[in-house]
PDB file of all heavy atoms in Angstrom:
ATOM      1  N   GLU A   1     -79.438  55.240  34.621  1.00  0.00           N
ATOM      2  CA  GLU A   1     -80.023  53.900  34.492  1.00  0.00           C
ATOM      3  C   GLU A   1     -79.892  53.441  33.040  1.00  0.00           C
ATOM      4  O   GLU A   1     -80.813  53.602  32.239  1.00  0.00           O
ATOM      5  CB  GLU A   1     -81.491  53.880  34.935  1.00  0.00           C
ATOM      6  CG  GLU A   1     -82.060  52.475  34.998  1.00  0.00           C
ATOM      7  CD  GLU A   1     -83.266  52.361  35.922  1.00  0.00           C
ATOM      8  OE1 GLU A   1     -83.588  53.326  36.632  1.00  0.00           O
ATOM      9  OE2 GLU A   1     -83.887  51.282  35.920  1.00  0.00           O
ATOM     10  N   PRO A   2     -78.758  52.865  32.695  1.00  0.00           N
ATOM     11  CA  PRO A   2     -78.556  52.422  31.308  1.00  0.00           C
ATOM     12  C   PRO A   2     -79.465  51.246  30.966  1.00  0.00           C
ATOM     13  O   PRO A   2     -79.915  50.502  31.848  1.00  0.00           O
ATOM     14  CB  PRO A   2     -77.076  52.003  31.300  1.00  0.00           C
ATOM     15  CG  PRO A   2     -76.787  51.621  32.713  1.00  0.00           C
ATOM     16  CD  PRO A   2     -77.614  52.544  33.559  1.00  0.00           C
ATOM     17  N   GLU A   3     -79.743  51.102  29.688  1.00  0.00           N
ATOM     18  CA  GLU A   3     -80.561  49.973  29.250  1.00  0.00           C
ATOM     19  C   GLU A   3     -79.817  48.668  29.498  1.00  0.00           C
ATOM     20  O   GLU A   3     -78.619  48.563  29.224  1.00  0.00           O
ATOM     21  CB  GLU A   3     -80.886  50.103  27.759  1.00  0.00           C
ATOM     22  CG  GLU A   3     -81.824  51.257  27.436  1.00  0.00           C
ATOM     23  CD  GLU A   3     -82.207  51.266  25.964  1.00  0.00           C
ATOM     24  OE1 GLU A   3     -81.909  50.261  25.277  1.00  0.00           O
ATOM     25  OE2 GLU A   3     -82.785  52.258  25.508  1.00  0.00           O
ATOM     26  N   TRP A   4     -80.527  47.684  30.047  1.00  0.00           N
ATOM     27  CA  TRP A   4     -79.894  46.394  30.336  1.00  0.00           C
ATOM     28  C   TRP A   4     -80.974  45.338  30.429  1.00  0.00           C
ATOM     29  O   TRP A   4     -82.077  45.577  30.936  1.00  0.00           O
ATOM     30  CB  TRP A   4     -79.128  46.450  31.664  1.00  0.00           C
ATOM     31  CG  TRP A   4     -78.338  45.200  31.948  1.00  0.00           C
ATOM     32  CD1 TRP A   4     -77.055  44.952  31.579  1.00  0.00           C
ATOM     33  CD2 TRP A   4     -78.792  44.040  32.637  1.00  0.00           C
ATOM     34  NE1 TRP A   4     -76.680  43.699  32.002  1.00  0.00           N
ATOM     35  CE2 TRP A   4     -77.720  43.119  32.653  1.00  0.00           C
ATOM     36  CE3 TRP A   4     -79.993  43.681  33.243  1.00  0.00           C
ATOM     37  CZ2 TRP A   4     -77.815  41.854  33.252  1.00  0.00           C
ATOM     38  CZ3 TRP A   4     -80.101  42.421  33.838  1.00  0.00           C
ATOM     39  CH2 TRP A   4     -79.013  41.526  33.840  1.00  0.00           C
ATOM     40  N   GLU A   5     -80.658  44.156  29.919  1.00  0.00           N
ATOM     41  CA  GLU A   5     -81.577  43.029  30.076  1.00  0.00           C
ATOM     42  C   GLU A   5     -80.805  41.728  30.192  1.00  0.00           C
ATOM     43  O   GLU A   5     -79.672  41.605  29.714  1.00  0.00           O
ATOM     44  CB  GLU A   5     -82.567  42.954  28.915  1.00  0.00           C
ATOM     45  CG  GLU A   5     -81.948  42.720  27.562  1.00  0.00           C
ATOM     46  CD  GLU A   5     -82.995  42.666  26.455  1.00  0.00           C
ATOM     47  OE1 GLU A   5     -84.095  43.224  26.632  1.00  0.00           O
ATOM     48  OE2 GLU A   5     -82.688  42.057  25.408  1.00  0.00           O
ATOM     49  N   LEU A   6     -81.397  40.772  30.872  1.00  0.00           N
ATOM     50  CA  LEU A   6     -80.807  39.448  31.042  1.00  0.00           C
ATOM     51  C   LEU A   6     -80.907  38.684  29.730  1.00  0.00           C
ATOM     52  O   LEU A   6     -81.988  38.573  29.166  1.00  0.00           O
ATOM     53  CB  LEU A   6     -81.549  38.695  32.152  1.00  0.00           C
ATOM     54  CG  LEU A   6     -81.105  37.270  32.454  1.00  0.00           C
ATOM     55  CD1 LEU A   6     -79.698  37.255  33.064  1.00  0.00           C
ATOM     56  CD2 LEU A   6     -82.101  36.585  33.397  1.00  0.00           C
ATOM     57  N   GLU A   7     -79.769  38.209  29.248  1.00  0.00           N
ATOM     58  CA  GLU A   7     -79.785  37.420  28.015  1.00  0.00           C
ATOM     59  C   GLU A   7     -80.303  36.010  28.316  1.00  0.00           C
ATOM     60  O   GLU A   7     -80.040  35.455  29.382  1.00  0.00           O
ATOM     61  CB  GLU A   7     -78.372  37.340  27.416  1.00  0.00           C
ATOM     62  CG  GLU A   7     -77.797  38.709  27.053  1.00  0.00           C
ATOM     63  CD  GLU A   7     -76.375  38.607  26.553  1.00  0.00           C
ATOM     64  OE1 GLU A   7     -75.961  37.508  26.118  1.00  0.00           O
ATOM     65  OE2 GLU A   7     -75.660  39.629  26.601  1.00  0.00           O
ATOM     66  N   ARG A   8     -81.044  35.466  27.377  1.00  0.00           N
ATOM     67  CA  ARG A   8     -81.596  34.120  27.564  1.00  0.00           C
ATOM     68  C   ARG A   8     -81.193  33.247  26.381  1.00  0.00           C
ATOM     69  O   ARG A   8     -81.370  33.631  25.233  1.00  0.00           O
ATOM     70  CB  ARG A   8     -83.110  34.181  27.710  1.00  0.00           C
ATOM     71  CG  ARG A   8     -83.567  34.807  29.026  1.00  0.00           C
ATOM     72  CD  ARG A   8     -85.081  35.027  29.037  1.00  0.00           C
ATOM     73  NE  ARG A   8     -85.595  35.378  30.343  1.00  0.00           N
ATOM     74  CZ  ARG A   8     -85.599  36.607  30.849  1.00  0.00           C
ATOM     75  NH1 ARG A   8     -85.094  37.600  30.131  1.00  0.00           N
ATOM     76  NH2 ARG A   8     -86.098  36.854  32.045  1.00  0.00           N
ATOM     77  N   TYR A   9     -80.677  32.070  26.701  1.00  0.00           N
ATOM     78  CA  TYR A   9     -80.238  31.132  25.677  1.00  0.00           C
ATOM     79  C   TYR A   9     -81.181  29.936  25.636  1.00  0.00           C
ATOM     80  O   TYR A   9     -81.874  29.649  26.620  1.00  0.00           O
ATOM     81  CB  TYR A   9     -78.818  30.651  25.988  1.00  0.00           C
ATOM     82  CG  TYR A   9     -77.736  31.661  25.686  1.00  0.00           C
ATOM     83  CD1 TYR A   9     -77.518  32.761  26.517  1.00  0.00           C
ATOM     84  CD2 TYR A   9     -76.914  31.525  24.577  1.00  0.00           C
ATOM     85  CE1 TYR A   9     -76.529  33.689  26.247  1.00  0.00           C
ATOM     86  CE2 TYR A   9     -75.911  32.448  24.295  1.00  0.00           C
ATOM     87  CZ  TYR A   9     -75.733  33.529  25.138  1.00  0.00           C
ATOM     88  OH  TYR A   9     -74.756  34.445  24.863  1.00  0.00           O
ATOM     89  N   PRO A  10     -81.222  29.199  24.529  1.00  0.00           N
ATOM     90  CA  PRO A  10     -82.055  27.992  24.458  1.00  0.00           C
ATOM     91  C   PRO A  10     -81.495  26.870  25.332  1.00  0.00           C
ATOM     92  O   PRO A  10     -80.358  26.946  25.797  1.00  0.00           O
ATOM     93  CB  PRO A  10     -82.014  27.613  22.973  1.00  0.00           C
ATOM     94  CG  PRO A  10     -80.749  28.228  22.460  1.00  0.00           C
ATOM     95  CD  PRO A  10     -80.549  29.488  23.244  1.00  0.00           C
ATOM     96  N   VAL A  11     -82.316  25.851  25.540  1.00  0.00           N
ATOM     97  CA  VAL A  11     -81.887  24.693  26.347  1.00  0.00           C
ATOM     98  C   VAL A  11     -80.604  24.118  25.760  1.00  0.00           C
ATOM     99  O   VAL A  11     -80.478  23.954  24.535  1.00  0.00           O
ATOM    100  CB  VAL A  11     -82.996  23.623  26.372  1.00  0.00           C
ATOM    101  CG1 VAL A  11     -82.510  22.381  27.110  1.00  0.00           C
ATOM    102  CG2 VAL A  11     -84.245  24.177  27.045  1.00  0.00           C
ATOM    103  N   THR A  12     -79.641  23.821  26.635  1.00  0.00           N
ATOM    104  CA  THR A  12     -78.320  23.375  26.194  1.00  0.00           C
ATOM    105  C   THR A  12     -77.928  22.068  26.866  1.00  0.00           C
ATOM    106  O   THR A  12     -78.145  21.886  28.063  1.00  0.00           O
ATOM    107  CB  THR A  12     -77.258  24.453  26.535  1.00  0.00           C
ATOM    108  OG1 THR A  12     -77.633  25.681  25.913  1.00  0.00           O
ATOM    109  CG2 THR A  12     -75.879  24.031  26.055  1.00  0.00           C
ATOM    110  N   GLU A  13     -77.381  21.141  26.081  1.00  0.00           N
ATOM    111  CA  GLU A  13     -76.860  19.890  26.638  1.00  0.00           C
ATOM    112  C   GLU A  13     -75.560  20.185  27.380  1.00  0.00           C
ATOM    113  O   GLU A  13     -74.806  21.087  27.031  1.00  0.00           O
ATOM    114  CB  GLU A  13     -76.598  18.885  25.516  1.00  0.00           C
ATOM    115  CG  GLU A  13     -77.850  18.538  24.704  1.00  0.00           C
ATOM    116  CD  GLU A  13     -77.527  17.684  23.497  1.00  0.00           C
ATOM    117  OE1 GLU A  13     -76.317  17.439  23.258  1.00  0.00           O
ATOM    118  OE2 GLU A  13     -78.458  17.269  22.802  1.00  0.00           O
ATOM    119  N   GLU A  14     -75.303  19.402  28.443  1.00  0.00           N
ATOM    120  CA  GLU A  14     -74.129  19.628  29.297  1.00  0.00           C
ATOM    121  C   GLU A  14     -72.838  19.670  28.483  1.00  0.00           C
ATOM    122  O   GLU A  14     -71.973  20.505  28.708  1.00  0.00           O
ATOM    123  CB  GLU A  14     -74.031  18.523  30.362  1.00  0.00           C
ATOM    124  CG  GLU A  14     -75.161  18.530  31.382  1.00  0.00           C
ATOM    125  CD  GLU A  14     -74.903  19.508  32.510  1.00  0.00           C
ATOM    126  OE1 GLU A  14     -73.801  20.064  32.564  1.00  0.00           O
ATOM    127  OE2 GLU A  14     -75.817  19.718  33.336  1.00  0.00           O
ATOM    128  N   GLU A  15     -72.702  18.763  27.507  1.00  0.00           N
ATOM    129  CA  GLU A  15     -71.448  18.695  26.757  1.00  0.00           C
ATOM    130  C   GLU A  15     -71.243  19.910  25.844  1.00  0.00           C
ATOM    131  O   GLU A  15     -70.130  20.175  25.389  1.00  0.00           O
ATOM    132  CB  GLU A  15     -71.364  17.395  25.945  1.00  0.00           C
ATOM    133  CG  GLU A  15     -72.504  17.182  24.970  1.00  0.00           C
ATOM    134  CD  GLU A  15     -73.641  16.382  25.579  1.00  0.00           C
ATOM    135  OE1 GLU A  15     -73.766  16.380  26.828  1.00  0.00           O
ATOM    136  OE2 GLU A  15     -74.408  15.771  24.821  1.00  0.00           O
ATOM    137  N   ARG A  16     -72.311  20.658  25.589  1.00  0.00           N
ATOM    138  CA  ARG A  16     -72.201  21.846  24.734  1.00  0.00           C
ATOM    139  C   ARG A  16     -72.026  23.133  25.531  1.00  0.00           C
ATOM    140  O   ARG A  16     -71.937  24.211  24.950  1.00  0.00           O
ATOM    141  CB  ARG A  16     -73.435  21.956  23.836  1.00  0.00           C
ATOM    142  CG  ARG A  16     -73.559  20.848  22.794  1.00  0.00           C
ATOM    143  CD  ARG A  16     -74.572  21.234  21.751  1.00  0.00           C
ATOM    144  NE  ARG A  16     -74.208  22.478  21.074  1.00  0.00           N
ATOM    145  CZ  ARG A  16     -75.082  23.272  20.453  1.00  0.00           C
ATOM    146  NH1 ARG A  16     -76.369  22.977  20.454  1.00  0.00           N
ATOM    147  NH2 ARG A  16     -74.684  24.379  19.839  1.00  0.00           N
ATOM    148  N   LEU A  17     -71.985  23.022  26.868  1.00  0.00           N
ATOM    149  CA  LEU A  17     -71.877  24.215  27.695  1.00  0.00           C
ATOM    150  C   LEU A  17     -70.621  25.044  27.410  1.00  0.00           C
ATOM    151  O   LEU A  17     -70.702  26.270  27.323  1.00  0.00           O
ATOM    152  CB  LEU A  17     -71.934  23.847  29.180  1.00  0.00           C
ATOM    153  CG  LEU A  17     -73.344  23.732  29.777  1.00  0.00           C
ATOM    154  CD1 LEU A  17     -73.260  23.336  31.244  1.00  0.00           C
ATOM    155  CD2 LEU A  17     -74.112  25.028  29.612  1.00  0.00           C
ATOM    156  N   PRO A  18     -69.436  24.407  27.286  1.00  0.00           N
ATOM    157  CA  PRO A  18     -68.245  25.224  26.996  1.00  0.00           C
ATOM    158  C   PRO A  18     -68.402  26.068  25.735  1.00  0.00           C
ATOM    159  O   PRO A  18     -68.006  27.233  25.695  1.00  0.00           O
ATOM    160  CB  PRO A  18     -67.127  24.177  26.836  1.00  0.00           C
ATOM    161  CG  PRO A  18     -67.588  23.029  27.659  1.00  0.00           C
ATOM    162  CD  PRO A  18     -69.080  22.982  27.480  1.00  0.00           C
ATOM    163  N   GLU A  19     -69.019  25.489  24.719  1.00  0.00           N
ATOM    164  CA  GLU A  19     -69.245  26.214  23.463  1.00  0.00           C
ATOM    165  C   GLU A  19     -70.219  27.376  23.683  1.00  0.00           C
ATOM    166  O   GLU A  19     -70.018  28.485  23.178  1.00  0.00           O
ATOM    167  CB  GLU A  19     -69.809  25.238  22.430  1.00  0.00           C
ATOM    168  CG  GLU A  19     -70.239  25.867  21.123  1.00  0.00           C
ATOM    169  CD  GLU A  19     -70.941  24.866  20.222  1.00  0.00           C
ATOM    170  OE1 GLU A  19     -70.702  23.645  20.379  1.00  0.00           O
ATOM    171  OE2 GLU A  19     -71.723  25.304  19.354  1.00  0.00           O
ATOM    172  N   ARG A  20     -71.275  27.120  24.479  1.00  0.00           N
ATOM    173  CA  ARG A  20     -72.274  28.154  24.738  1.00  0.00           C
ATOM    174  C   ARG A  20     -71.667  29.296  25.559  1.00  0.00           C
ATOM    175  O   ARG A  20     -71.907  30.480  25.283  1.00  0.00           O
ATOM    176  CB  ARG A  20     -73.461  27.545  25.497  1.00  0.00           C
ATOM    177  CG  ARG A  20     -74.614  28.502  25.714  1.00  0.00           C
ATOM    178  CD  ARG A  20     -75.342  28.824  24.438  1.00  0.00           C
ATOM    179  NE  ARG A  20     -76.158  27.711  23.985  1.00  0.00           N
ATOM    180  CZ  ARG A  20     -76.739  27.645  22.807  1.00  0.00           C
ATOM    181  NH1 ARG A  20     -76.559  28.636  21.943  1.00  0.00           N
ATOM    182  NH2 ARG A  20     -77.469  26.603  22.455  1.00  0.00           N
ATOM    183  N   ILE A  21     -70.869  28.958  26.575  1.00  0.00           N
ATOM    184  CA  ILE A  21     -70.239  29.989  27.418  1.00  0.00           C
ATOM    185  C   ILE A  21     -69.257  30.807  26.588  1.00  0.00           C
ATOM    186  O   ILE A  21     -69.165  32.027  26.724  1.00  0.00           O
ATOM    187  CB  ILE A  21     -69.537  29.334  28.622  1.00  0.00           C
ATOM    188  CG1 ILE A  21     -70.582  28.701  29.548  1.00  0.00           C
ATOM    189  CG2 ILE A  21     -68.722  30.358  29.393  1.00  0.00           C
ATOM    190  CD1 ILE A  21     -69.986  27.863  30.666  1.00  0.00           C
ATOM    191  N   ALA A  22     -68.502  30.126  25.711  1.00  0.00           N
ATOM    192  CA  ALA A  22     -67.533  30.832  24.861  1.00  0.00           C
ATOM    193  C   ALA A  22     -68.233  31.853  23.972  1.00  0.00           C
ATOM    194  O   ALA A  22     -67.700  32.944  23.716  1.00  0.00           O
ATOM    195  CB  ALA A  22     -66.753  29.836  24.017  1.00  0.00           C
ATOM    196  N   SER A  23     -69.438  31.538  23.514  1.00  0.00           N
ATOM    197  CA  SER A  23     -70.168  32.484  22.666  1.00  0.00           C
ATOM    198  C   SER A  23     -70.693  33.663  23.475  1.00  0.00           C
ATOM    199  O   SER A  23     -70.912  34.754  22.931  1.00  0.00           O
ATOM    200  CB  SER A  23     -71.332  31.781  21.957  1.00  0.00           C
ATOM    201  OG  SER A  23     -72.337  31.396  22.877  1.00  0.00           O
ATOM    202  N   PHE A  24     -70.885  33.454  24.781  1.00  0.00           N
ATOM    203  CA  PHE A  24     -71.357  34.534  25.652  1.00  0.00           C
ATOM    204  C   PHE A  24     -70.243  35.542  25.952  1.00  0.00           C
ATOM    205  O   PHE A  24     -70.488  36.745  26.034  1.00  0.00           O
ATOM    206  CB  PHE A  24     -71.887  33.939  26.963  1.00  0.00           C
ATOM    207  CG  PHE A  24     -72.125  34.956  28.049  1.00  0.00           C
ATOM    208  CD1 PHE A  24     -73.232  35.789  28.018  1.00  0.00           C
ATOM    209  CD2 PHE A  24     -71.237  35.073  29.111  1.00  0.00           C
ATOM    210  CE1 PHE A  24     -73.447  36.725  29.010  1.00  0.00           C
ATOM    211  CE2 PHE A  24     -71.437  36.004  30.107  1.00  0.00           C
ATOM    212  CZ  PHE A  24     -72.550  36.836  30.063  1.00  0.00           C
ATOM    213  N   VAL A  25     -69.006  35.056  26.132  1.00  0.00           N
ATOM    214  CA  VAL A  25     -67.884  35.939  26.461  1.00  0.00           C
ATOM    215  C   VAL A  25     -67.419  36.630  25.186  1.00  0.00           C
ATOM    216  O   VAL A  25     -66.787  36.028  24.330  1.00  0.00           O
ATOM    217  CB  VAL A  25     -66.721  35.162  27.111  1.00  0.00           C
ATOM    218  CG1 VAL A  25     -65.547  36.097  27.416  1.00  0.00           C
ATOM    219  CG2 VAL A  25     -67.192  34.467  28.376  1.00  0.00           C
ATOM    220  N   ARG A  26     -67.721  37.909  25.078  1.00  0.00           N
ATOM    221  CA  ARG A  26     -67.407  38.668  23.881  1.00  0.00           C
ATOM    222  C   ARG A  26     -66.927  40.067  24.284  1.00  0.00           C
ATOM    223  O   ARG A  26     -67.079  40.473  25.439  1.00  0.00           O
ATOM    224  CB  ARG A  26     -68.624  38.744  22.958  1.00  0.00           C
ATOM    225  CG  ARG A  26     -69.872  39.313  23.601  1.00  0.00           C
ATOM    226  CD  ARG A  26     -71.096  39.073  22.723  1.00  0.00           C
ATOM    227  NE  ARG A  26     -72.276  39.779  23.213  1.00  0.00           N
ATOM    228  CZ  ARG A  26     -73.097  39.291  24.125  1.00  0.00           C
ATOM    229  NH1 ARG A  26     -72.886  38.093  24.656  1.00  0.00           N
ATOM    230  NH2 ARG A  26     -74.157  39.997  24.515  1.00  0.00           N
ATOM    231  N   PRO A  27     -66.360  40.817  23.356  1.00  0.00           N
ATOM    232  CA  PRO A  27     -65.775  42.124  23.703  1.00  0.00           C
ATOM    233  C   PRO A  27     -66.803  43.122  24.220  1.00  0.00           C
ATOM    234  O   PRO A  27     -67.987  43.072  23.863  1.00  0.00           O
ATOM    235  CB  PRO A  27     -65.176  42.593  22.375  1.00  0.00           C
ATOM    236  CG  PRO A  27     -64.975  41.358  21.578  1.00  0.00           C
ATOM    237  CD  PRO A  27     -66.111  40.445  21.949  1.00  0.00           C
ATOM    238  N   PHE A  28     -66.323  44.027  25.076  1.00  0.00           N
ATOM    239  CA  PHE A  28     -67.126  45.156  25.539  1.00  0.00           C
ATOM    240  C   PHE A  28     -66.727  46.411  24.769  1.00  0.00           C
ATOM    241  O   PHE A  28     -65.560  46.589  24.438  1.00  0.00           O
ATOM    242  CB  PHE A  28     -66.892  45.429  27.029  1.00  0.00           C
ATOM    243  CG  PHE A  28     -67.576  44.464  27.953  1.00  0.00           C
ATOM    244  CD1 PHE A  28     -66.863  43.431  28.549  1.00  0.00           C
ATOM    245  CD2 PHE A  28     -68.928  44.601  28.257  1.00  0.00           C
ATOM    246  CE1 PHE A  28     -67.484  42.552  29.420  1.00  0.00           C
ATOM    247  CE2 PHE A  28     -69.557  43.720  29.117  1.00  0.00           C
ATOM    248  CZ  PHE A  28     -68.834  42.686  29.703  1.00  0.00           C
ATOM    249  N   ASP A  29     -67.694  47.256  24.503  1.00  0.00           N
ATOM    250  CA  ASP A  29     -67.422  48.600  23.997  1.00  0.00           C
ATOM    251  C   ASP A  29     -67.315  49.496  25.219  1.00  0.00           C
ATOM    252  O   ASP A  29     -68.314  49.755  25.904  1.00  0.00           O
ATOM    253  CB  ASP A  29     -68.564  49.049  23.080  1.00  0.00           C
ATOM    254  CG  ASP A  29     -68.349  50.457  22.526  1.00  0.00           C
ATOM    255  OD1 ASP A  29     -67.430  51.164  23.004  1.00  0.00           O
ATOM    256  OD2 ASP A  29     -69.112  50.844  21.626  1.00  0.00           O
ATOM    257  N   LEU A  30     -66.106  49.977  25.537  1.00  0.00           N
ATOM    258  CA  LEU A  30     -65.894  50.741  26.761  1.00  0.00           C
ATOM    259  C   LEU A  30     -66.628  52.073  26.769  1.00  0.00           C
ATOM    260  O   LEU A  30     -66.746  52.706  27.817  1.00  0.00           O
ATOM    261  CB  LEU A  30     -64.396  50.957  26.994  1.00  0.00           C
ATOM    262  CG  LEU A  30     -63.558  49.677  27.137  1.00  0.00           C
ATOM    263  CD1 LEU A  30     -62.115  50.028  27.467  1.00  0.00           C
ATOM    264  CD2 LEU A  30     -64.143  48.760  28.195  1.00  0.00           C
ATOM    265  N   GLY A  31     -67.145  52.491  25.636  1.00  0.00           N
ATOM    266  CA  GLY A  31     -67.888  53.731  25.566  1.00  0.00           C
ATOM    267  C   GLY A  31     -69.369  53.569  25.858  1.00  0.00           C
ATOM    268  O   GLY A  31     -70.116  54.539  25.825  1.00  0.00           O
ATOM    269  N   LYS A  32     -69.804  52.335  26.152  1.00  0.00           N
ATOM    270  CA  LYS A  32     -71.225  52.083  26.386  1.00  0.00           C
ATOM    271  C   LYS A  32     -71.414  51.359  27.713  1.00  0.00           C
ATOM    272  O   LYS A  32     -70.808  50.312  27.947  1.00  0.00           O
ATOM    273  CB  LYS A  32     -71.819  51.251  25.241  1.00  0.00           C
ATOM    274  CG  LYS A  32     -71.814  51.962  23.899  1.00  0.00           C
ATOM    275  CD  LYS A  32     -72.429  51.087  22.812  1.00  0.00           C
ATOM    276  CE  LYS A  32     -72.422  51.794  21.458  1.00  0.00           C
ATOM    277  NZ  LYS A  32     -72.986  50.940  20.384  1.00  0.00           N
ATOM    278  N   ALA A  33     -72.260  51.920  28.582  1.00  0.00           N
ATOM    279  CA  ALA A  33     -72.585  51.285  29.862  1.00  0.00           C
ATOM    280  C   ALA A  33     -73.870  50.467  29.704  1.00  0.00           C
ATOM    281  O   ALA A  33     -74.703  50.778  28.864  1.00  0.00           O
ATOM    282  CB  ALA A  33     -72.774  52.353  30.931  1.00  0.00           C
ATOM    283  N   PRO A  34     -74.019  49.390  30.525  1.00  0.00           N
ATOM    284  CA  PRO A  34     -73.057  48.947  31.532  1.00  0.00           C
ATOM    285  C   PRO A  34     -72.024  47.998  30.938  1.00  0.00           C
ATOM    286  O   PRO A  34     -72.310  47.308  29.952  1.00  0.00           O
ATOM    287  CB  PRO A  34     -73.944  48.226  32.548  1.00  0.00           C
ATOM    288  CG  PRO A  34     -75.064  47.660  31.727  1.00  0.00           C
ATOM    289  CD  PRO A  34     -75.305  48.656  30.615  1.00  0.00           C
TER     290      PRO A  34
END
């Protein structure tokens, strides 16, 4: 049961969503689950 939590972002305007999603997609360290 690896440590995991749901990330929470502040309220975002619709036009800023692409920028917010881009900041969420980031590299994984394959040596760390999940």
